[in-house]
Amino acid sequence: MVEADNVGLEHLRHIRGAVDGLRDDMREVKSRLGILESQYANLSNRLDRVDGRIERIERRLDLAEA
């Protein structure tokens, strides 16, 4: 029975190591996702400003939408 316990403990240790590795991978994925979200928000804000500037230019030139 002692040998079976040792085998079970070895399996549990292996599983724990695998789970810890997945946690590290998930931290990296979350970090990268956060960076992407930040870049998307920045780009979205820039596009909104460009859109506003284009609208002002169109109004100044009295351009009508087709």
Protein backbone atom coordinates (compact mmCIF):
# COMPACT_ATOMS: atom_id res chain seq x y z
CA MET A 1 0.00 0.00 0.00
CA VAL A 2 2.92 2.32 0.70
CA GLU A 3 4.06 2.08 -2.91
CA ALA A 4 0.57 2.92 -4.20
CA ASP A 5 0.52 5.97 -1.91
CA ASN A 6 3.88 7.08 -3.28
CA VAL A 7 2.67 6.69 -6.87
CA GLY A 8 -0.46 8.67 -6.02
CA LEU A 9 1.61 11.42 -4.40
CA GLU A 10 3.92 11.56 -7.43
CA HIS A 11 0.93 11.97 -9.72
CA LEU A 12 -0.47 14.73 -7.52
CA ARG A 13 2.90 16.52 -7.54
CA HIS A 14 3.03 16.28 -11.31
CA ILE A 15 -0.51 17.66 -11.61
CA ARG A 16 0.37 20.52 -9.23
CA GLY A 17 3.41 21.40 -11.37
CA ALA A 18 1.32 21.37 -14.52
CA VAL A 19 -1.35 23.59 -12.93
CA ASP A 20 1.30 26.03 -11.67
CA GLY A 21 2.70 26.24 -15.21
CA LEU A 22 -0.77 26.99 -16.56
CA ARG A 23 -1.20 29.75 -13.97
CA ASP A 24 2.00 31.39 -15.18
CA ASP A 25 0.84 31.10 -18.78
CA MET A 26 -2.53 32.62 -17.88
CA ARG A 27 -0.82 35.56 -16.15
CA GLU A 28 1.13 36.25 -19.33
CA VAL A 29 -2.00 35.96 -21.47
CA LYS A 30 -3.89 38.35 -19.17
CA SER A 31 -1.02 40.80 -19.25
CA ARG A 32 -0.86 40.75 -23.04
CA LEU A 33 -4.64 41.06 -23.28
CA GLY A 34 -4.51 44.12 -21.02
CA ILE A 35 -1.91 45.70 -23.29
CA LEU A 36 -4.06 45.00 -26.35
CA GLU A 37 -7.13 46.50 -24.68
CA SER A 38 -5.16 49.62 -23.81
CA GLN A 39 -3.86 49.97 -27.37
CA TYR A 40 -7.36 49.46 -28.78
CA ALA A 41 -8.79 52.13 -26.48
CA ASN A 42 -6.04 54.54 -27.52
CA LEU A 43 -6.65 53.86 -31.20
CA SER A 44 -10.40 54.23 -30.75
CA ASN A 45 -9.93 57.62 -29.07
CA ARG A 46 -7.65 58.78 -31.87
CA LEU A 47 -10.17 57.71 -34.52
CA ASP A 48 -12.93 59.58 -32.68
CA ARG A 49 -10.81 62.74 -32.71
CA VAL A 50 -10.05 62.35 -36.42
CA ASP A 51 -13.75 61.84 -37.11
CA GLY A 52 -14.58 65.04 -35.24
CA ARG A 53 -11.94 66.96 -37.13
CA ILE A 54 -13.26 65.69 -40.47
CA GLU A 55 -16.80 66.73 -39.50
CA ARG A 56 -15.57 70.23 -38.66
CA ILE A 57 -13.72 70.48 -41.98
CA GLU A 58 -16.83 69.36 -43.88
CA ARG A 59 -18.94 71.97 -42.09
CA ARG A 60 -16.43 74.73 -42.88
CA LEU A 61 -16.38 73.75 -46.54
CA ASP A 62 -20.17 73.35 -46.63
CA LEU A 63 -19.82 69.83 -47.94
CA ALA A 64 -22.93 67.67 -47.99
CA GLU A 65 -22.92 63.92 -47.64
CA ALA A 66 -23.81 62.07 -50.81
